[in-house]
Amino acid sequence: MPISHRDLLNQAKGLAVPEEAVFRALVGRAYYACYHCCREWERTLPEPGKTRSSTKGVHQQLIERLQRPDKRCSKDQVKRSEWLARQLGTLRALRLRADYRLDERISDEEANAQVSLADAVFKRCDWGVKTGRQD
């Protein structure tokens, strides 16, 4: 097994841990940063998108709302919302692996790619907010 649950606790305690535990933490932090960033960006929309009534979990609900933006959104908001949904889904998939599949290796390349994608998500969210553009 690449890491154990004890490695995760040791990391929380600030003790020496395998490098992979650090990669897993990076993956998780990058995802959660994007989750909150996308949630904040969604608040700038005229109206949130829709979810299916059967959708469970606030994370999947946000992804679905971004996938299905409201008709009152501009073309740019729709395009951006759909792009953010895809990226957040990608980030979430690796975060789930990092948190729950301790027997599967998370590489430094995957962790670095997660952080790079998170940076792209932030830039895409910030562009519309900073410029005030809504179209």
Protein backbone atom coordinates (compact mmCIF):
# COMPACT_ATOMS: atom_id res chain seq x y z
CA MET A 1 0.00 0.00 0.00
CA PRO A 2 1.46 3.40 -0.95
CA ILE A 3 0.31 5.01 2.34
CA SER A 4 -1.71 4.06 5.39
CA HIS A 5 -4.31 5.80 7.49
CA ARG A 6 -1.57 6.23 10.13
CA ASP A 7 0.44 8.26 7.62
CA LEU A 8 -2.52 10.61 7.27
CA LEU A 9 -2.79 11.07 11.04
CA ASN A 10 0.96 11.61 11.32
CA GLN A 11 0.68 14.28 8.63
CA ALA A 12 -2.10 15.97 10.60
CA LYS A 13 0.16 15.93 13.65
CA GLY A 14 3.00 17.46 11.66
CA LEU A 15 5.14 14.33 11.89
CA ALA A 16 7.35 12.93 9.14
CA VAL A 17 5.26 11.26 6.45
CA PRO A 18 5.89 9.63 3.08
CA GLU A 19 6.07 12.07 0.17
CA GLU A 20 2.88 10.58 -1.27
CA ALA A 21 0.89 11.73 1.76
CA VAL A 22 1.95 15.26 0.87
CA PHE A 23 0.80 14.73 -2.73
CA ARG A 24 -2.58 13.53 -1.48
CA ALA A 25 -2.92 16.59 0.73
CA LEU A 26 -2.10 18.86 -2.23
CA VAL A 27 -4.75 17.13 -4.32
CA GLY A 28 -7.37 17.63 -1.61
CA ARG A 29 -6.50 21.25 -0.87
CA ALA A 30 -6.51 22.13 -4.58
CA TYR A 31 -9.96 20.57 -5.01
CA TYR A 32 -11.48 22.26 -1.97
CA ALA A 33 -10.03 25.62 -2.98
CA CYS A 34 -11.73 25.23 -6.37
CA TYR A 35 -14.98 24.03 -4.86
CA HIS A 36 -15.18 27.21 -2.78
CA CYS A 37 -14.00 29.39 -5.66
CA CYS A 38 -16.66 27.96 -8.01
CA ARG A 39 -19.33 28.30 -5.36
CA GLU A 40 -18.40 31.96 -4.92
CA TRP A 41 -18.34 32.51 -8.70
CA GLU A 42 -21.78 30.92 -8.99
CA ARG A 43 -23.14 33.65 -6.69
CA THR A 44 -22.32 36.22 -9.39
CA LEU A 45 -24.79 34.58 -11.80
CA PRO A 46 -28.30 35.98 -12.26
CA GLU A 47 -29.71 32.65 -11.07
CA PRO A 48 -28.08 29.30 -10.19
CA GLY A 49 -28.42 26.35 -12.52
CA LYS A 50 -30.61 23.33 -11.89
CA THR A 51 -29.92 19.94 -10.35
CA ARG A 52 -31.84 16.71 -10.55
CA SER A 53 -33.91 16.06 -7.45
CA SER A 54 -32.08 12.76 -6.93
CA THR A 55 -28.61 14.33 -6.80
CA LYS A 56 -26.95 13.69 -3.46
CA GLY A 57 -24.18 15.74 -1.88
CA VAL A 58 -23.44 19.45 -2.07
CA HIS A 59 -20.33 18.91 -4.18
CA GLN A 60 -22.15 17.00 -6.92
CA GLN A 61 -25.04 19.47 -6.73
CA LEU A 62 -22.66 22.37 -7.42
CA ILE A 63 -21.13 20.51 -10.38
CA GLU A 64 -24.62 19.84 -11.78
CA ARG A 65 -25.74 23.46 -11.34
CA LEU A 66 -22.62 24.58 -13.21
CA GLN A 67 -23.29 21.98 -15.93
CA ARG A 68 -26.85 23.24 -16.36
CA PRO A 69 -26.73 27.05 -16.10
CA ASP A 70 -29.94 29.05 -15.95
CA LYS A 71 -31.37 30.53 -19.15
CA ARG A 72 -30.86 34.05 -17.78
CA CYS A 73 -27.08 33.62 -17.95
CA SER A 74 -25.16 35.29 -20.76
CA LYS A 75 -23.39 33.21 -23.40
CA ASP A 76 -20.06 33.81 -21.66
CA GLN A 77 -21.49 32.78 -18.30
CA VAL A 78 -22.93 29.59 -19.81
CA LYS A 79 -19.64 28.71 -21.49
CA ARG A 80 -17.64 29.48 -18.35
CA SER A 81 -20.08 27.62 -16.11
CA GLU A 82 -19.94 24.47 -18.23
CA TRP A 83 -16.13 24.64 -18.37
CA LEU A 84 -15.93 25.07 -14.59
CA ALA A 85 -18.23 22.07 -14.10
CA ARG A 86 -15.94 19.86 -16.20
CA GLN A 87 -12.81 21.00 -14.40
CA LEU A 88 -14.36 20.70 -10.95
CA GLY A 89 -15.49 17.17 -11.82
CA THR A 90 -11.96 16.28 -12.89
CA LEU A 91 -10.48 17.76 -9.72
CA ARG A 92 -13.06 15.96 -7.59
CA ALA A 93 -12.33 12.58 -9.16
CA LEU A 94 -8.65 12.76 -8.21
CA ARG A 95 -9.53 14.11 -4.75
CA LEU A 96 -11.77 11.09 -4.19
CA ARG A 97 -8.93 8.77 -5.22
CA ALA A 98 -6.50 10.59 -2.95
CA ASP A 99 -8.84 10.46 0.04
CA TYR A 100 -10.44 7.03 -0.31
CA ARG A 101 -8.23 4.77 -2.40
CA LEU A 102 -5.16 4.50 -0.23
CA ASP A 103 -4.05 1.41 -2.14
CA GLU A 104 -3.75 3.42 -5.38
CA ARG A 105 -0.65 5.54 -5.89
CA ILE A 106 -0.95 9.31 -6.35
CA SER A 107 2.11 10.60 -8.18
CA ASP A 108 3.80 13.95 -7.96
CA GLU A 109 2.81 14.51 -11.60
CA GLU A 110 -0.86 14.03 -10.72
CA ALA A 111 -0.58 16.34 -7.72
CA ASN A 112 1.17 19.02 -9.79
CA ALA A 113 -1.42 18.69 -12.56
CA GLN A 114 -4.17 19.11 -9.95
CA VAL A 115 -2.59 22.31 -8.66
CA SER A 116 -2.13 23.64 -12.21
CA LEU A 117 -5.75 22.89 -13.06
CA ALA A 118 -6.84 24.58 -9.84
CA ASP A 119 -4.88 27.66 -10.87
CA ALA A 120 -6.68 27.67 -14.24
CA VAL A 121 -10.05 27.42 -12.47
CA PHE A 122 -9.19 30.39 -10.26
CA LYS A 123 -8.13 32.44 -13.28
CA ARG A 124 -11.33 31.60 -15.12
CA CYS A 125 -13.46 32.56 -12.11
CA ASP A 126 -11.51 35.73 -11.33
CA TRP A 127 -11.48 37.07 -14.89
CA GLY A 128 -15.21 37.78 -14.99
CA VAL A 129 -15.36 39.07 -11.43
CA LYS A 130 -12.36 41.43 -11.76
CA THR A 131 -13.35 42.78 -15.16
CA GLY A 132 -17.03 43.07 -14.36
CA ARG A 133 -17.84 41.35 -17.64
CA GLN A 134 -20.96 39.30 -17.68
CA ASP A 135 -21.10 38.44 -21.37
